[in-house]
Amino acid sequence: MSSPRPALLLVGALAALAALAAGTAPAGAHVSVTPDELRAGEQAVVTLQVDHGCGDSPTTRLEVRLPDALGDVDTGPTRDWRVERRGRVLVLTAATPVPSDLTVGVDLVLRAPDEPGDLALPTVQTCESGEEAWTQVAVEETDAAAELERPAPVVRVVGAGTTVSVDLVDEESPWQRLSGPLAAAVGVGLVLLVGALRFRVRRGTER
């Protein structure tokens, strides 16, 4: 009589994958910039990153309001976005709608102001159905960004001699990639699936 264990392992693997993927719901996701600290006067490339679409709807456009303290802002080479400038608003239209489960990353080439301070980049994300306005800015030090429902991404400019923190960005896919939690869920699911199949093969050779 064959053991039901391989089938149970397979079902368990699929269930774990589904559970982990479900745990990556976009409720806690947001728009961010990497790096989020620059030295005053520094030439830099920062990546504007949007974690998800509008619910299940794909992203079609991003509108980024540039603060007056920033001079010219350019985008890195891209075939995935059509770039327009409307005054102090940078409009990025996707060549094709970006699926809601992918992270959108757009490189912005800029020069930090000479004076330290926080630079907010209010961003409106338009999707095929609906939009998300990531435009809330803390007006006082007591307003924690974590308490805002739709916080705007913020770049902190520090003194020229200050050491800034560096976040590593995955360069394998410069404009979109699986979000971290979803990628982890896929990885765990694949490991469990491989384990289930190996167990089945081993049981077959023992007969």
N, C-alpha and C. Protein backbone atom coordinates (compact mmCIF):
# COMPACT_ATOMS: atom_id res chain seq x y z
N MET A 1 0.85 -1.19 0.00
CA MET A 1 0.00 0.00 0.00
C MET A 1 0.88 1.24 0.00
N SER A 2 0.60 2.16 -0.87
CA SER A 2 1.45 3.35 -0.97
C SER A 2 1.16 4.30 0.17
N SER A 3 2.21 4.99 0.61
CA SER A 3 2.07 5.93 1.71
C SER A 3 1.49 7.25 1.21
N PRO A 4 0.55 7.86 1.98
CA PRO A 4 -0.03 9.13 1.56
C PRO A 4 0.87 10.31 1.86
N ARG A 5 2.05 10.05 2.46
CA ARG A 5 2.89 11.15 2.93
C ARG A 5 3.35 12.08 1.81
N PRO A 6 3.78 11.57 0.63
CA PRO A 6 4.18 12.50 -0.43
C PRO A 6 3.08 13.46 -0.82
N ALA A 7 1.84 12.92 -0.94
CA ALA A 7 0.72 13.79 -1.30
C ALA A 7 0.48 14.84 -0.23
N LEU A 8 0.59 14.41 1.05
CA LEU A 8 0.40 15.36 2.14
C LEU A 8 1.47 16.45 2.12
N LEU A 9 2.72 16.03 1.83
CA LEU A 9 3.80 17.02 1.75
C LEU A 9 3.55 18.01 0.62
N LEU A 10 3.05 17.49 -0.51
CA LEU A 10 2.78 18.35 -1.65
C LEU A 10 1.68 19.35 -1.32
N VAL A 11 0.60 18.86 -0.70
CA VAL A 11 -0.49 19.75 -0.31
C VAL A 11 -0.01 20.78 0.71
N GLY A 12 0.82 20.31 1.65
CA GLY A 12 1.35 21.23 2.66
C GLY A 12 2.21 22.30 2.05
N ALA A 13 3.01 21.92 1.04
CA ALA A 13 3.87 22.90 0.38
C ALA A 13 3.04 23.97 -0.32
N LEU A 14 2.00 23.52 -1.02
CA LEU A 14 1.14 24.48 -1.71
C LEU A 14 0.41 25.38 -0.72
N ALA A 15 -0.03 24.81 0.39
CA ALA A 15 -0.73 25.60 1.39
C ALA A 15 0.19 26.64 2.01
N ALA A 16 1.44 26.22 2.28
CA ALA A 16 2.40 27.17 2.87
C ALA A 16 2.69 28.31 1.91
N LEU A 17 2.84 27.97 0.63
CA LEU A 17 3.10 29.01 -0.37
C LEU A 17 1.93 29.99 -0.43
N ALA A 18 0.72 29.47 -0.43
CA ALA A 18 -0.46 30.34 -0.50
C ALA A 18 -0.56 31.22 0.74
N ALA A 19 -0.27 30.64 1.91
CA ALA A 19 -0.36 31.40 3.15
C ALA A 19 0.67 32.52 3.18
N LEU A 20 1.89 32.20 2.77
CA LEU A 20 2.93 33.23 2.78
C LEU A 20 2.64 34.33 1.78
N ALA A 21 2.15 33.95 0.62
CA ALA A 21 1.82 34.96 -0.38
C ALA A 21 0.68 35.84 0.11
N ALA A 22 -0.30 35.23 0.79
CA ALA A 22 -1.42 36.01 1.32
C ALA A 22 -0.94 36.99 2.36
N GLY A 23 0.12 36.62 3.07
CA GLY A 23 0.65 37.50 4.09
C GLY A 23 1.37 38.70 3.54
N THR A 24 1.49 38.79 2.21
CA THR A 24 2.17 39.93 1.60
C THR A 24 1.17 40.94 1.07
N ALA A 25 -0.02 40.96 1.63
CA ALA A 25 -1.04 41.90 1.19
C ALA A 25 -0.51 43.32 1.26
N PRO A 26 -0.93 44.19 0.34
CA PRO A 26 -0.32 45.49 0.23
C PRO A 26 -0.69 46.50 1.29
N ALA A 27 -1.46 46.11 2.31
CA ALA A 27 -1.93 47.08 3.29
C ALA A 27 -0.78 47.82 3.94
N GLY A 28 0.33 47.13 4.22
CA GLY A 28 1.44 47.77 4.90
C GLY A 28 2.49 48.30 3.94
N ALA A 29 2.25 48.18 2.67
CA ALA A 29 3.24 48.61 1.69
C ALA A 29 3.13 50.12 1.48
N HIS A 30 4.11 50.69 0.79
CA HIS A 30 4.14 52.13 0.63
C HIS A 30 5.08 52.50 -0.50
N VAL A 31 5.28 53.80 -0.67
CA VAL A 31 6.25 54.31 -1.63
C VAL A 31 7.48 54.76 -0.84
N SER A 32 8.65 54.40 -1.32
CA SER A 32 9.88 54.74 -0.61
C SER A 32 10.95 55.19 -1.59
N VAL A 33 12.04 55.71 -1.04
CA VAL A 33 13.20 56.06 -1.86
C VAL A 33 14.44 55.41 -1.25
N THR A 34 15.34 54.96 -2.13
CA THR A 34 16.59 54.34 -1.71
C THR A 34 17.74 54.92 -2.54
N PRO A 35 18.78 55.46 -1.89
CA PRO A 35 18.90 55.68 -0.45
C PRO A 35 17.99 56.82 0.02
N ASP A 36 17.70 56.84 1.31
CA ASP A 36 16.83 57.89 1.83
C ASP A 36 17.60 58.96 2.60
N GLU A 37 18.94 58.90 2.50
CA GLU A 37 19.79 59.94 3.07
C GLU A 37 20.86 60.33 2.05
N LEU A 38 21.06 61.64 1.91
CA LEU A 38 22.09 62.14 1.01
C LEU A 38 22.88 63.24 1.73
N ARG A 39 24.13 63.40 1.33
CA ARG A 39 24.92 64.52 1.85
C ARG A 39 24.57 65.79 1.07
N ALA A 40 24.64 66.91 1.74
CA ALA A 40 24.36 68.19 1.11
C ALA A 40 25.29 68.40 -0.09
N GLY A 41 24.70 68.81 -1.22
CA GLY A 41 25.47 69.08 -2.42
C GLY A 41 25.87 67.85 -3.21
N GLU A 42 25.45 66.67 -2.77
CA GLU A 42 25.88 65.41 -3.41
C GLU A 42 25.09 65.13 -4.69
N GLN A 43 25.81 64.70 -5.73
CA GLN A 43 25.15 64.16 -6.93
C GLN A 43 24.80 62.70 -6.64
N ALA A 44 23.59 62.29 -6.93
CA ALA A 44 23.18 60.94 -6.54
C ALA A 44 22.09 60.41 -7.46
N VAL A 45 21.93 59.11 -7.41
CA VAL A 45 20.81 58.42 -8.06
C VAL A 45 19.99 57.80 -6.95
N VAL A 46 18.74 58.20 -6.84
CA VAL A 46 17.85 57.58 -5.85
C VAL A 46 16.76 56.82 -6.60
N THR A 47 16.35 55.72 -6.02
CA THR A 47 15.33 54.88 -6.65
C THR A 47 13.99 55.09 -5.94
N LEU A 48 13.02 55.58 -6.69
CA LEU A 48 11.65 55.69 -6.19
C LEU A 48 10.99 54.33 -6.38
N GLN A 49 10.48 53.76 -5.29
CA GLN A 49 9.99 52.39 -5.33
C GLN A 49 8.56 52.31 -4.82
N VAL A 50 7.68 51.72 -5.63
CA VAL A 50 6.28 51.52 -5.28
C VAL A 50 6.05 50.03 -5.11
N ASP A 51 5.54 49.64 -3.94
CA ASP A 51 5.49 48.22 -3.59
C ASP A 51 4.39 47.41 -4.27
N HIS A 52 3.35 48.07 -4.79
CA HIS A 52 2.20 47.30 -5.28
C HIS A 52 1.32 48.19 -6.14
N GLY A 53 0.31 47.58 -6.76
CA GLY A 53 -0.66 48.35 -7.53
C GLY A 53 -1.75 48.89 -6.62
N CYS A 54 -2.88 49.28 -7.21
CA CYS A 54 -4.03 49.75 -6.43
C CYS A 54 -4.93 48.55 -6.19
N GLY A 55 -4.72 47.87 -5.07
CA GLY A 55 -5.40 46.60 -4.87
C GLY A 55 -4.87 45.60 -5.88
N ASP A 56 -5.76 45.06 -6.71
CA ASP A 56 -5.34 44.12 -7.75
C ASP A 56 -5.14 44.80 -9.10
N SER A 57 -5.25 46.11 -9.14
CA SER A 57 -5.18 46.82 -10.42
C SER A 57 -3.75 47.23 -10.75
N PRO A 58 -3.31 47.02 -12.00
CA PRO A 58 -1.93 47.36 -12.41
C PRO A 58 -1.67 48.86 -12.41
N THR A 59 -0.41 49.23 -12.15
CA THR A 59 0.01 50.62 -12.16
C THR A 59 0.24 51.11 -13.59
N THR A 60 -0.28 52.29 -13.90
CA THR A 60 -0.11 52.85 -15.24
C THR A 60 0.67 54.16 -15.25
N ARG A 61 0.65 54.91 -14.13
CA ARG A 61 1.32 56.21 -14.13
C ARG A 61 1.73 56.60 -12.72
N LEU A 62 2.84 57.32 -12.62
CA LEU A 62 3.29 57.92 -11.37
C LEU A 62 3.49 59.41 -11.61
N GLU A 63 3.00 60.23 -10.69
CA GLU A 63 3.21 61.67 -10.75
C GLU A 63 3.94 62.09 -9.48
N VAL A 64 5.16 62.58 -9.63
CA VAL A 64 6.01 62.91 -8.50
C VAL A 64 6.19 64.43 -8.45
N ARG A 65 5.75 65.04 -7.32
CA ARG A 65 5.93 66.48 -7.16
C ARG A 65 7.31 66.74 -6.56
N LEU A 66 8.11 67.52 -7.30
CA LEU A 66 9.48 67.78 -6.89
C LEU A 66 9.54 69.03 -6.01
N PRO A 67 10.23 68.96 -4.88
CA PRO A 67 10.34 70.15 -4.01
C PRO A 67 11.16 71.24 -4.68
N ASP A 68 10.86 72.49 -4.33
CA ASP A 68 11.55 73.63 -4.93
C ASP A 68 13.04 73.61 -4.63
N ALA A 69 13.43 72.98 -3.51
CA ALA A 69 14.85 72.96 -3.12
C ALA A 69 15.70 72.13 -4.07
N LEU A 70 15.06 71.24 -4.84
CA LEU A 70 15.80 70.43 -5.81
C LEU A 70 15.92 71.18 -7.12
N GLY A 71 17.08 71.06 -7.75
CA GLY A 71 17.26 71.63 -9.08
C GLY A 71 16.70 70.68 -10.13
N ASP A 72 17.40 70.52 -11.21
CA ASP A 72 16.96 69.61 -12.26
C ASP A 72 17.00 68.17 -11.78
N VAL A 73 15.97 67.42 -12.12
CA VAL A 73 15.90 65.99 -11.80
C VAL A 73 15.68 65.25 -13.10
N ASP A 74 16.52 64.26 -13.34
CA ASP A 74 16.40 63.46 -14.55
C ASP A 74 16.10 62.02 -14.16
N THR A 75 15.77 61.21 -15.12
CA THR A 75 15.57 59.78 -14.86
C THR A 75 16.71 59.01 -15.52
N GLY A 76 17.01 57.85 -14.97
CA GLY A 76 17.99 56.99 -15.60
C GLY A 76 17.45 56.47 -16.92
N PRO A 77 18.30 55.88 -17.76
CA PRO A 77 17.85 55.32 -19.04
C PRO A 77 16.72 54.31 -18.80
N THR A 78 15.62 54.46 -19.50
CA THR A 78 14.50 53.55 -19.30
C THR A 78 13.68 53.41 -20.58
N ARG A 79 13.29 52.18 -20.87
CA ARG A 79 12.36 51.93 -21.97
C ARG A 79 10.98 51.63 -21.43
N ASP A 80 10.86 51.61 -20.10
CA ASP A 80 9.62 51.17 -19.48
C ASP A 80 8.70 52.33 -19.11
N TRP A 81 9.22 53.57 -19.18
CA TRP A 81 8.42 54.72 -18.80
C TRP A 81 8.57 55.84 -19.82
N ARG A 82 7.48 56.52 -20.10
CA ARG A 82 7.52 57.76 -20.87
C ARG A 82 7.55 58.91 -19.87
N VAL A 83 8.54 59.77 -20.00
CA VAL A 83 8.78 60.81 -18.99
C VAL A 83 8.32 62.17 -19.52
N GLU A 84 7.51 62.87 -18.72
CA GLU A 84 7.07 64.23 -19.04
C GLU A 84 7.32 65.12 -17.82
N ARG A 85 7.50 66.40 -18.06
CA ARG A 85 7.62 67.37 -16.98
C ARG A 85 6.53 68.42 -17.11
N ARG A 86 5.76 68.57 -16.05
CA ARG A 86 4.69 69.57 -16.01
C ARG A 86 5.00 70.50 -14.84
N GLY A 87 5.78 71.53 -15.11
CA GLY A 87 6.23 72.39 -14.03
C GLY A 87 7.11 71.61 -13.06
N ARG A 88 6.73 71.56 -11.77
CA ARG A 88 7.49 70.84 -10.76
C ARG A 88 6.99 69.41 -10.59
N VAL A 89 6.18 68.92 -11.53
CA VAL A 89 5.67 67.55 -11.43
C VAL A 89 6.32 66.70 -12.52
N LEU A 90 6.89 65.57 -12.09
CA LEU A 90 7.49 64.60 -13.00
C LEU A 90 6.45 63.50 -13.25
N VAL A 91 6.03 63.36 -14.51
CA VAL A 91 4.99 62.39 -14.85
C VAL A 91 5.64 61.20 -15.56
N LEU A 92 5.45 60.02 -15.00
CA LEU A 92 6.02 58.79 -15.54
C LEU A 92 4.89 57.87 -15.95
N THR A 93 4.75 57.63 -17.24
CA THR A 93 3.69 56.77 -17.75
C THR A 93 4.30 55.44 -18.18
N ALA A 94 3.75 54.34 -17.66
CA ALA A 94 4.29 53.01 -17.95
C ALA A 94 4.04 52.64 -19.40
N ALA A 95 5.07 52.09 -20.05
CA ALA A 95 4.92 51.62 -21.43
C ALA A 95 3.86 50.53 -21.50
N THR A 96 3.84 49.66 -20.50
CA THR A 96 2.79 48.66 -20.34
C THR A 96 2.42 48.64 -18.86
N PRO A 97 1.14 48.40 -18.54
CA PRO A 97 0.73 48.39 -17.13
C PRO A 97 1.56 47.41 -16.31
N VAL A 98 1.97 47.84 -15.11
CA VAL A 98 2.80 47.01 -14.24
C VAL A 98 1.90 46.18 -13.33
N PRO A 99 1.97 44.85 -13.39
CA PRO A 99 1.12 44.00 -12.55
C PRO A 99 1.20 44.40 -11.08
N SER A 100 0.09 44.25 -10.37
CA SER A 100 -0.01 44.75 -9.00
C SER A 100 0.90 44.03 -8.02
N ASP A 101 1.36 42.81 -8.36
CA ASP A 101 2.20 42.08 -7.41
C ASP A 101 3.69 42.32 -7.66
N LEU A 102 4.01 43.26 -8.53
CA LEU A 102 5.42 43.60 -8.78
C LEU A 102 5.76 44.95 -8.17
N THR A 103 7.00 45.08 -7.73
CA THR A 103 7.49 46.35 -7.21
C THR A 103 8.01 47.20 -8.37
N VAL A 104 7.59 48.46 -8.40
CA VAL A 104 8.01 49.39 -9.44
C VAL A 104 9.18 50.21 -8.92
N GLY A 105 10.26 50.26 -9.68
CA GLY A 105 11.41 51.08 -9.30
C GLY A 105 11.81 52.01 -10.43
N VAL A 106 11.94 53.31 -10.13
CA VAL A 106 12.35 54.30 -11.12
C VAL A 106 13.54 55.08 -10.57
N ASP A 107 14.62 55.15 -11.34
CA ASP A 107 15.81 55.88 -10.90
C ASP A 107 15.66 57.37 -11.19
N LEU A 108 15.98 58.19 -10.18
CA LEU A 108 15.97 59.64 -10.33
C LEU A 108 17.39 60.16 -10.11
N VAL A 109 17.89 60.91 -11.09
CA VAL A 109 19.24 61.47 -11.01
C VAL A 109 19.10 62.92 -10.55
N LEU A 110 19.75 63.25 -9.43
CA LEU A 110 19.56 64.58 -8.85
C LEU A 110 20.80 65.06 -8.09
N ARG A 111 20.77 66.32 -7.73
CA ARG A 111 21.79 66.90 -6.87
C ARG A 111 21.11 67.39 -5.61
N ALA A 112 21.58 66.93 -4.45
CA ALA A 112 21.00 67.34 -3.18
C ALA A 112 21.25 68.82 -2.94
N PRO A 113 20.33 69.50 -2.28
CA PRO A 113 20.55 70.92 -1.95
C PRO A 113 21.77 71.10 -1.05
N ASP A 114 22.25 72.32 -0.97
CA ASP A 114 23.43 72.61 -0.14
C ASP A 114 23.08 72.68 1.35
N GLU A 115 21.80 72.87 1.65
CA GLU A 115 21.37 72.98 3.03
C GLU A 115 20.70 71.68 3.49
N PRO A 116 21.03 71.20 4.70
CA PRO A 116 20.38 69.99 5.23
C PRO A 116 18.88 70.21 5.44
N GLY A 117 18.14 69.12 5.42
CA GLY A 117 16.70 69.18 5.64
C GLY A 117 16.03 67.98 4.99
N ASP A 118 14.72 67.89 5.17
CA ASP A 118 13.96 66.79 4.59
C ASP A 118 13.31 67.22 3.28
N LEU A 119 13.41 66.36 2.27
CA LEU A 119 12.80 66.62 0.96
C LEU A 119 11.69 65.60 0.72
N ALA A 120 10.46 66.05 0.76
CA ALA A 120 9.33 65.16 0.49
C ALA A 120 9.08 65.10 -1.01
N LEU A 121 8.74 63.90 -1.50
CA LEU A 121 8.43 63.69 -2.92
C LEU A 121 7.02 63.13 -3.02
N PRO A 122 5.99 63.94 -2.78
CA PRO A 122 4.61 63.45 -2.86
C PRO A 122 4.35 62.78 -4.21
N THR A 123 3.80 61.59 -4.16
CA THR A 123 3.63 60.78 -5.36
C THR A 123 2.20 60.27 -5.49
N VAL A 124 1.61 60.49 -6.66
CA VAL A 124 0.29 59.95 -6.95
C VAL A 124 0.46 58.78 -7.91
N GLN A 125 -0.02 57.62 -7.50
CA GLN A 125 0.08 56.39 -8.28
C GLN A 125 -1.28 56.13 -8.93
N THR A 126 -1.32 56.15 -10.25
CA THR A 126 -2.56 55.89 -10.97
C THR A 126 -2.54 54.47 -11.52
N CYS A 127 -3.67 53.78 -11.39
CA CYS A 127 -3.78 52.40 -11.87
C CYS A 127 -4.91 52.31 -12.89
N GLU A 128 -5.05 51.15 -13.49
CA GLU A 128 -6.14 50.96 -14.45
C GLU A 128 -7.49 51.20 -13.79
N SER A 129 -7.55 50.88 -12.50
CA SER A 129 -8.76 51.14 -11.73
C SER A 129 -8.35 51.77 -10.40
N GLY A 130 -8.61 53.07 -10.26
CA GLY A 130 -8.32 53.76 -9.01
C GLY A 130 -6.94 54.36 -8.97
N GLU A 131 -6.63 54.98 -7.84
CA GLU A 131 -5.32 55.58 -7.63
C GLU A 131 -4.99 55.61 -6.15
N GLU A 132 -3.70 55.76 -5.85
CA GLU A 132 -3.22 55.88 -4.48
C GLU A 132 -2.42 57.18 -4.39
N ALA A 133 -2.78 58.06 -3.46
CA ALA A 133 -2.07 59.32 -3.30
C ALA A 133 -1.14 59.22 -2.09
N TRP A 134 0.15 59.03 -2.38
CA TRP A 134 1.16 58.94 -1.33
C TRP A 134 1.72 60.35 -1.13
N THR A 135 0.95 61.18 -0.46
CA THR A 135 1.24 62.61 -0.43
C THR A 135 1.27 63.20 0.98
N GLN A 136 1.03 62.40 2.00
CA GLN A 136 0.99 62.94 3.36
C GLN A 136 2.40 63.22 3.87
N VAL A 137 2.59 64.40 4.44
CA VAL A 137 3.89 64.81 4.96
C VAL A 137 3.74 65.20 6.43
N ALA A 138 4.64 64.71 7.26
CA ALA A 138 4.63 65.08 8.68
C ALA A 138 4.95 66.56 8.80
N VAL A 139 4.10 67.31 9.49
CA VAL A 139 4.29 68.76 9.60
C VAL A 139 5.03 69.13 10.88
N GLU A 140 5.13 68.23 11.82
CA GLU A 140 5.85 68.48 13.05
C GLU A 140 6.71 67.28 13.38
N GLU A 141 7.73 67.49 14.20
CA GLU A 141 8.61 66.39 14.58
C GLU A 141 7.85 65.29 15.31
N THR A 142 6.75 65.67 15.96
CA THR A 142 5.97 64.67 16.71
C THR A 142 5.13 63.80 15.79
N ASP A 143 4.97 64.21 14.53
CA ASP A 143 4.21 63.40 13.58
C ASP A 143 5.11 62.31 13.02
N ALA A 144 4.94 61.11 13.51
CA ALA A 144 5.76 60.00 13.00
C ALA A 144 5.22 59.57 11.65
N ALA A 145 6.13 59.41 10.69
CA ALA A 145 5.69 58.99 9.35
C ALA A 145 4.95 57.66 9.40
N ALA A 146 5.32 56.81 10.37
CA ALA A 146 4.67 55.50 10.47
C ALA A 146 3.19 55.63 10.80
N GLU A 147 2.78 56.78 11.36
CA GLU A 147 1.38 56.97 11.74
C GLU A 147 0.55 57.50 10.59
N LEU A 148 1.19 57.93 9.52
CA LEU A 148 0.45 58.44 8.36
C LEU A 148 -0.05 57.27 7.52
N GLU A 149 -1.26 57.39 7.03
CA GLU A 149 -1.82 56.31 6.21
C GLU A 149 -1.19 56.24 4.84
N ARG A 150 -0.90 57.38 4.24
CA ARG A 150 -0.32 57.42 2.89
C ARG A 150 0.87 58.38 2.89
N PRO A 151 1.98 58.02 3.57
CA PRO A 151 3.11 58.94 3.67
C PRO A 151 3.83 59.14 2.34
N ALA A 152 4.22 60.36 2.08
CA ALA A 152 5.05 60.65 0.90
C ALA A 152 6.47 60.15 1.17
N PRO A 153 7.16 59.68 0.14
CA PRO A 153 8.58 59.31 0.33
C PRO A 153 9.40 60.55 0.66
N VAL A 154 10.39 60.38 1.54
CA VAL A 154 11.19 61.52 2.01
C VAL A 154 12.67 61.18 1.91
N VAL A 155 13.44 62.12 1.37
CA VAL A 155 14.90 62.03 1.35
C VAL A 155 15.44 63.02 2.39
N ARG A 156 16.26 62.54 3.30
CA ARG A 156 16.87 63.41 4.30
C ARG A 156 18.25 63.85 3.82
N VAL A 157 18.45 65.17 3.77
CA VAL A 157 19.74 65.73 3.38
C VAL A 157 20.49 66.10 4.66
N VAL A 158 21.68 65.55 4.81
CA VAL A 158 22.49 65.79 6.02
C VAL A 158 23.73 66.60 5.65
N GLY A 159 24.46 67.05 6.67
CA GLY A 159 25.65 67.85 6.43
C GLY A 159 26.66 67.14 5.56
N ALA A 160 27.45 67.90 4.84
CA ALA A 160 28.38 67.33 3.86
C ALA A 160 29.37 66.35 4.48
N GLY A 161 29.73 66.55 5.75
CA GLY A 161 30.71 65.66 6.38
C GLY A 161 30.10 64.51 7.13
N THR A 162 28.78 64.34 7.05
CA THR A 162 28.08 63.31 7.81
C THR A 162 28.14 61.97 7.09
N THR A 163 28.28 60.90 7.86
CA THR A 163 28.21 59.55 7.29
C THR A 163 26.75 59.18 7.10
N VAL A 164 26.40 58.75 5.88
CA VAL A 164 25.01 58.39 5.60
C VAL A 164 24.87 56.89 5.55
N SER A 165 23.65 56.43 5.89
CA SER A 165 23.38 55.00 5.81
C SER A 165 23.15 54.62 4.36
N VAL A 166 23.52 53.38 4.01
CA VAL A 166 23.39 52.91 2.63
C VAL A 166 22.55 51.65 2.61
N ASP A 167 21.47 51.66 1.81
CA ASP A 167 20.65 50.48 1.59
C ASP A 167 21.01 49.90 0.23
N LEU A 168 21.30 48.62 0.19
CA LEU A 168 21.65 47.98 -1.07
C LEU A 168 20.39 47.73 -1.88
N VAL A 169 20.47 48.01 -3.18
CA VAL A 169 19.34 47.81 -4.07
C VAL A 169 19.69 46.70 -5.04
N ASP A 170 18.75 45.77 -5.25
CA ASP A 170 18.96 44.70 -6.21
C ASP A 170 19.01 45.28 -7.61
N GLU A 171 20.14 45.08 -8.29
CA GLU A 171 20.30 45.66 -9.63
C GLU A 171 19.95 44.68 -10.74
N GLU A 172 19.51 43.47 -10.39
CA GLU A 172 19.26 42.48 -11.44
C GLU A 172 18.12 42.90 -12.35
N SER A 173 17.10 43.55 -11.78
CA SER A 173 16.00 44.03 -12.58
C SER A 173 15.76 45.49 -12.23
N PRO A 174 16.25 46.44 -13.05
CA PRO A 174 16.30 47.82 -12.64
C PRO A 174 14.95 48.51 -12.52
N TRP A 175 13.87 47.98 -13.13
CA TRP A 175 12.64 48.75 -13.07
C TRP A 175 11.50 48.04 -12.40
N GLN A 176 11.52 46.73 -12.30
CA GLN A 176 10.49 46.06 -11.54
C GLN A 176 10.98 44.69 -11.12
N ARG A 177 10.51 44.23 -9.96
CA ARG A 177 10.91 42.94 -9.44
C ARG A 177 9.88 42.48 -8.43
N LEU A 178 9.91 41.18 -8.09
CA LEU A 178 9.01 40.67 -7.07
C LEU A 178 9.31 41.36 -5.76
N SER A 179 8.27 41.74 -5.04
CA SER A 179 8.50 42.32 -3.72
C SER A 179 9.15 41.29 -2.82
N GLY A 180 9.94 41.75 -1.85
CA GLY A 180 10.71 40.86 -0.99
C GLY A 180 9.90 39.76 -0.33
N PRO A 181 8.80 40.08 0.38
CA PRO A 181 8.02 39.03 1.04
C PRO A 181 7.46 38.01 0.07
N LEU A 182 6.98 38.46 -1.10
CA LEU A 182 6.43 37.52 -2.06
C LEU A 182 7.52 36.63 -2.62
N ALA A 183 8.71 37.20 -2.88
CA ALA A 183 9.82 36.39 -3.36
C ALA A 183 10.19 35.33 -2.33
N ALA A 184 10.17 35.71 -1.05
CA ALA A 184 10.48 34.75 0.01
C ALA A 184 9.44 33.64 0.05
N ALA A 185 8.17 34.01 -0.13
CA ALA A 185 7.11 33.00 -0.13
C ALA A 185 7.30 32.00 -1.27
N VAL A 186 7.63 32.52 -2.44
CA VAL A 186 7.87 31.64 -3.58
C VAL A 186 9.04 30.70 -3.30
N GLY A 187 10.11 31.26 -2.72
CA GLY A 187 11.29 30.44 -2.42
C GLY A 187 10.97 29.32 -1.45
N VAL A 188 10.26 29.63 -0.37
CA VAL A 188 9.91 28.60 0.62
C VAL A 188 9.02 27.54 -0.02
N GLY A 189 8.07 27.97 -0.83
CA GLY A 189 7.19 27.01 -1.48
C GLY A 189 7.94 26.05 -2.38
N LEU A 190 8.91 26.58 -3.13
CA LEU A 190 9.70 25.73 -4.02
C LEU A 190 10.53 24.73 -3.24
N VAL A 191 11.11 25.16 -2.12
CA VAL A 191 11.89 24.24 -1.29
C VAL A 191 11.02 23.09 -0.80
N LEU A 192 9.82 23.41 -0.33
CA LEU A 192 8.92 22.37 0.17
C LEU A 192 8.49 21.42 -0.95
N LEU A 193 8.24 21.99 -2.13
CA LEU A 193 7.85 21.15 -3.27
C LEU A 193 8.96 20.18 -3.66
N VAL A 194 10.20 20.70 -3.71
CA VAL A 194 11.33 19.84 -4.04
C VAL A 194 11.48 18.73 -3.01
N GLY A 195 11.30 19.08 -1.73
CA GLY A 195 11.39 18.06 -0.68
C GLY A 195 10.35 16.98 -0.85
N ALA A 196 9.14 17.38 -1.20
CA ALA A 196 8.08 16.40 -1.40
C ALA A 196 8.38 15.47 -2.56
N LEU A 197 8.88 16.01 -3.66
CA LEU A 197 9.19 15.19 -4.82
C LEU A 197 10.36 14.25 -4.54
N ARG A 198 11.37 14.72 -3.81
CA ARG A 198 12.52 13.86 -3.48
C ARG A 198 12.08 12.70 -2.59
N PHE A 199 11.17 12.98 -1.66
CA PHE A 199 10.67 11.92 -0.79
C PHE A 199 9.93 10.87 -1.61
N ARG A 200 9.16 11.33 -2.59
CA ARG A 200 8.40 10.40 -3.41
C ARG A 200 9.32 9.51 -4.23
N VAL A 201 10.37 10.11 -4.80
CA VAL A 201 11.33 9.34 -5.59
C VAL A 201 12.03 8.30 -4.69
N ARG A 202 12.43 8.70 -3.49
CA ARG A 202 13.14 7.79 -2.57
C ARG A 202 12.23 6.61 -2.20
N ARG A 203 10.96 6.91 -1.95
CA ARG A 203 10.03 5.82 -1.59
C ARG A 203 9.86 4.86 -2.76
N GLY A 204 9.87 5.44 -3.99
CA GLY A 204 9.70 4.57 -5.15
C GLY A 204 10.88 3.63 -5.35
N THR A 205 12.10 4.07 -5.07
CA THR A 205 13.29 3.22 -5.24
C THR A 205 13.41 2.17 -4.15
N GLU A 206 12.76 2.37 -3.00
CA GLU A 206 12.83 1.39 -1.92
C GLU A 206 11.91 0.21 -2.13
N ARG A 207 10.97 0.33 -3.05
CA ARG A 207 10.01 -0.77 -3.27
C ARG A 207 10.66 -1.91 -4.05
